């Protein structure tokens, strides 16, 4: 489903991209996956963080960033990544360490349904700045997003 997005602050979900990361496997079974800034991800990496030890029902995110771009990778286990621009929504299940999802700024993002062994690695183009976050759905809608969460 697509909609005409009238507010330029809201990004089309077409900007959310699935990235296959280069992986090199050895005959012994081990693998090496590479992530290079401005090649595999479309930005210079300014911050790296990871989410782990999430219990049943754990949900992270549930916010948008005004400027920050992010890349999500399941280093271990699996989790779901939900994205919406207020008009359309998509869910990704990440469970392969050589697959990443790029999320541009102004996309509402939720991370949930973590397996017990899940490790969610997140790469961003900006250092942490609380002012970059839109943490309330109503505020996000006021920027131009419409619809339901």
Protein backbone atom coordinates (compact mmCIF):
# COMPACT_ATOMS: atom_id res chain seq x y z
CA UNK A 1 0.00 0.00 0.00
CA UNK A 2 1.40 3.40 -0.93
CA UNK A 3 0.17 6.87 -0.18
CA UNK A 4 0.99 10.36 -1.32
CA UNK A 5 3.08 11.76 1.52
CA UNK A 6 2.54 15.50 1.64
CA UNK A 7 4.95 16.39 4.45
CA UNK A 8 8.58 16.28 3.26
CA UNK A 9 9.67 15.58 6.86
CA UNK A 10 8.20 12.08 6.60
CA UNK A 11 10.29 9.59 4.64
CA UNK A 12 8.81 7.01 2.29
CA UNK A 13 9.28 3.41 3.36
CA UNK A 14 10.97 2.94 -0.01
CA UNK A 15 14.02 4.41 1.77
CA UNK A 16 14.14 1.41 4.14
CA UNK A 17 16.55 -1.04 2.53
CA UNK A 18 17.55 -4.65 3.04
CA UNK A 19 21.33 -5.02 2.72
CA UNK A 20 23.14 -8.29 2.06
CA UNK A 21 26.54 -8.02 3.72
CA UNK A 22 29.62 -9.63 2.19
CA UNK A 23 30.36 -12.91 3.94
CA UNK A 24 33.39 -15.11 3.49
CA UNK A 25 33.07 -18.74 4.59
CA UNK A 26 35.86 -21.24 5.15
CA UNK A 27 35.68 -24.99 4.48
CA UNK A 28 35.94 -25.50 8.25
CA UNK A 29 32.51 -23.85 8.64
CA UNK A 30 33.49 -20.51 10.12
CA UNK A 31 32.41 -17.26 8.47
CA UNK A 32 33.46 -13.62 8.45
CA UNK A 33 30.95 -10.88 7.59
CA UNK A 34 32.15 -7.38 6.69
CA UNK A 35 30.40 -4.02 7.19
CA UNK A 36 32.11 -1.00 5.64
CA UNK A 37 30.95 2.59 6.12
CA UNK A 38 29.84 4.35 2.94
CA UNK A 39 29.98 1.05 1.06
CA UNK A 40 27.76 -1.49 2.81
CA UNK A 41 25.96 1.18 4.83
CA UNK A 42 25.23 4.58 3.25
CA UNK A 43 26.88 6.69 5.96
CA UNK A 44 29.95 7.12 8.14
CA UNK A 45 29.43 5.23 11.38
CA UNK A 46 29.44 7.56 14.40
CA UNK A 47 27.91 5.26 17.03
CA UNK A 48 27.51 1.54 17.59
CA UNK A 49 25.30 -0.04 20.22
CA UNK A 50 23.73 -3.42 20.79
CA UNK A 51 20.67 -4.79 22.54
CA UNK A 52 20.78 -8.18 24.27
CA UNK A 53 19.41 -10.20 27.21
CA UNK A 54 15.87 -9.13 26.34
CA UNK A 55 13.24 -11.06 28.24
CA UNK A 56 9.87 -12.20 26.98
CA UNK A 57 7.77 -9.25 25.84
CA UNK A 58 10.74 -6.89 25.62
CA UNK A 59 10.31 -4.05 23.14
CA UNK A 60 12.89 -1.41 22.27
CA UNK A 61 12.73 1.64 20.08
CA UNK A 62 9.15 2.85 19.58
CA UNK A 63 10.48 6.18 18.37
CA UNK A 64 11.74 8.03 15.30
CA UNK A 65 14.87 10.09 14.75
CA UNK A 66 14.80 13.55 13.22
CA UNK A 67 18.28 13.22 11.68
CA UNK A 68 19.85 9.89 12.64
CA UNK A 69 20.00 7.01 10.18
CA UNK A 70 20.35 3.46 11.49
CA UNK A 71 21.33 -0.02 10.33
CA UNK A 72 20.05 -3.07 12.28
CA UNK A 73 21.82 -6.45 12.26
CA UNK A 74 20.96 -9.68 14.10
CA UNK A 75 24.40 -10.75 15.31
CA UNK A 76 22.83 -13.71 17.13
CA UNK A 77 19.34 -15.15 17.43
CA UNK A 78 16.38 -13.36 15.91
CA UNK A 79 14.15 -10.36 16.43
CA UNK A 80 11.49 -8.40 14.56
CA UNK A 81 11.92 -4.85 13.29
CA UNK A 82 8.75 -2.89 12.57
CA UNK A 83 8.92 0.34 10.59
CA UNK A 84 6.22 2.83 9.65
CA UNK A 85 5.97 6.33 8.23
CA UNK A 86 2.41 6.65 9.51
CA UNK A 87 0.95 5.76 6.10
CA UNK A 88 2.42 2.32 5.51
CA UNK A 89 4.12 -0.27 7.70
CA UNK A 90 6.52 -3.16 7.15
CA UNK A 91 7.93 -5.83 9.44
CA UNK A 92 11.30 -7.54 9.00
CA UNK A 93 12.43 -10.65 10.84
CA UNK A 94 16.19 -10.52 11.24
CA UNK A 95 17.94 -13.79 11.99
CA UNK A 96 20.97 -13.87 9.70
CA UNK A 97 24.15 -11.98 10.66
CA UNK A 98 24.90 -11.22 7.01
CA UNK A 99 21.63 -9.32 6.45
CA UNK A 100 21.06 -5.75 7.59
CA UNK A 101 18.16 -3.31 7.41
CA UNK A 102 18.86 0.38 6.75
CA UNK A 103 16.34 2.81 8.26
CA UNK A 104 16.55 6.49 7.24
CA UNK A 105 15.62 9.39 9.51
CA UNK A 106 11.94 10.11 10.24
CA UNK A 107 10.82 6.48 10.20
CA UNK A 108 9.08 5.21 13.36
CA UNK A 109 10.90 2.06 14.47
CA UNK A 110 10.14 -0.75 16.94
CA UNK A 111 12.34 -3.75 17.79
CA UNK A 112 10.53 -6.69 19.44
CA UNK A 113 9.95 -10.46 19.57
CA UNK A 114 13.54 -11.18 20.64
CA UNK A 115 14.71 -14.78 20.90
CA UNK A 116 16.55 -15.59 24.15
CA UNK A 117 19.92 -15.52 22.35
CA UNK A 118 19.24 -12.38 20.29
CA UNK A 119 21.88 -9.70 19.93
CA UNK A 120 20.70 -6.68 17.91
CA UNK A 121 23.59 -4.56 16.63
CA UNK A 122 22.72 -0.99 15.58
CA UNK A 123 24.99 1.33 13.60
CA UNK A 124 24.13 5.05 13.38
CA UNK A 125 25.47 8.06 11.53
CA UNK A 126 25.28 10.43 14.53
CA UNK A 127 26.35 10.40 18.17
CA UNK A 128 23.59 10.15 20.79
CA UNK A 129 21.48 13.32 21.02
CA UNK A 130 18.23 13.22 23.00
CA UNK A 131 16.92 16.14 20.92
CA UNK A 132 17.03 13.92 17.81
CA UNK A 133 14.38 11.55 19.21
CA UNK A 134 10.62 11.73 18.66
CA UNK A 135 9.39 9.44 21.43
CA UNK A 136 5.64 10.09 21.33
CA UNK A 137 3.43 8.76 18.55
CA UNK A 138 1.22 11.87 18.67
CA UNK A 139 4.22 14.13 18.16
CA UNK A 140 5.35 11.94 15.26
CA UNK A 141 1.89 12.21 13.68
CA UNK A 142 2.07 16.00 14.09
CA UNK A 143 5.18 15.99 11.89
CA UNK A 144 3.05 14.65 9.05
CA UNK A 145 2.62 10.95 9.79
CA UNK A 146 -0.92 9.63 9.67
CA UNK A 147 -2.54 6.38 10.57
CA UNK A 148 -2.23 3.93 13.38
CA UNK A 149 0.72 2.25 15.04
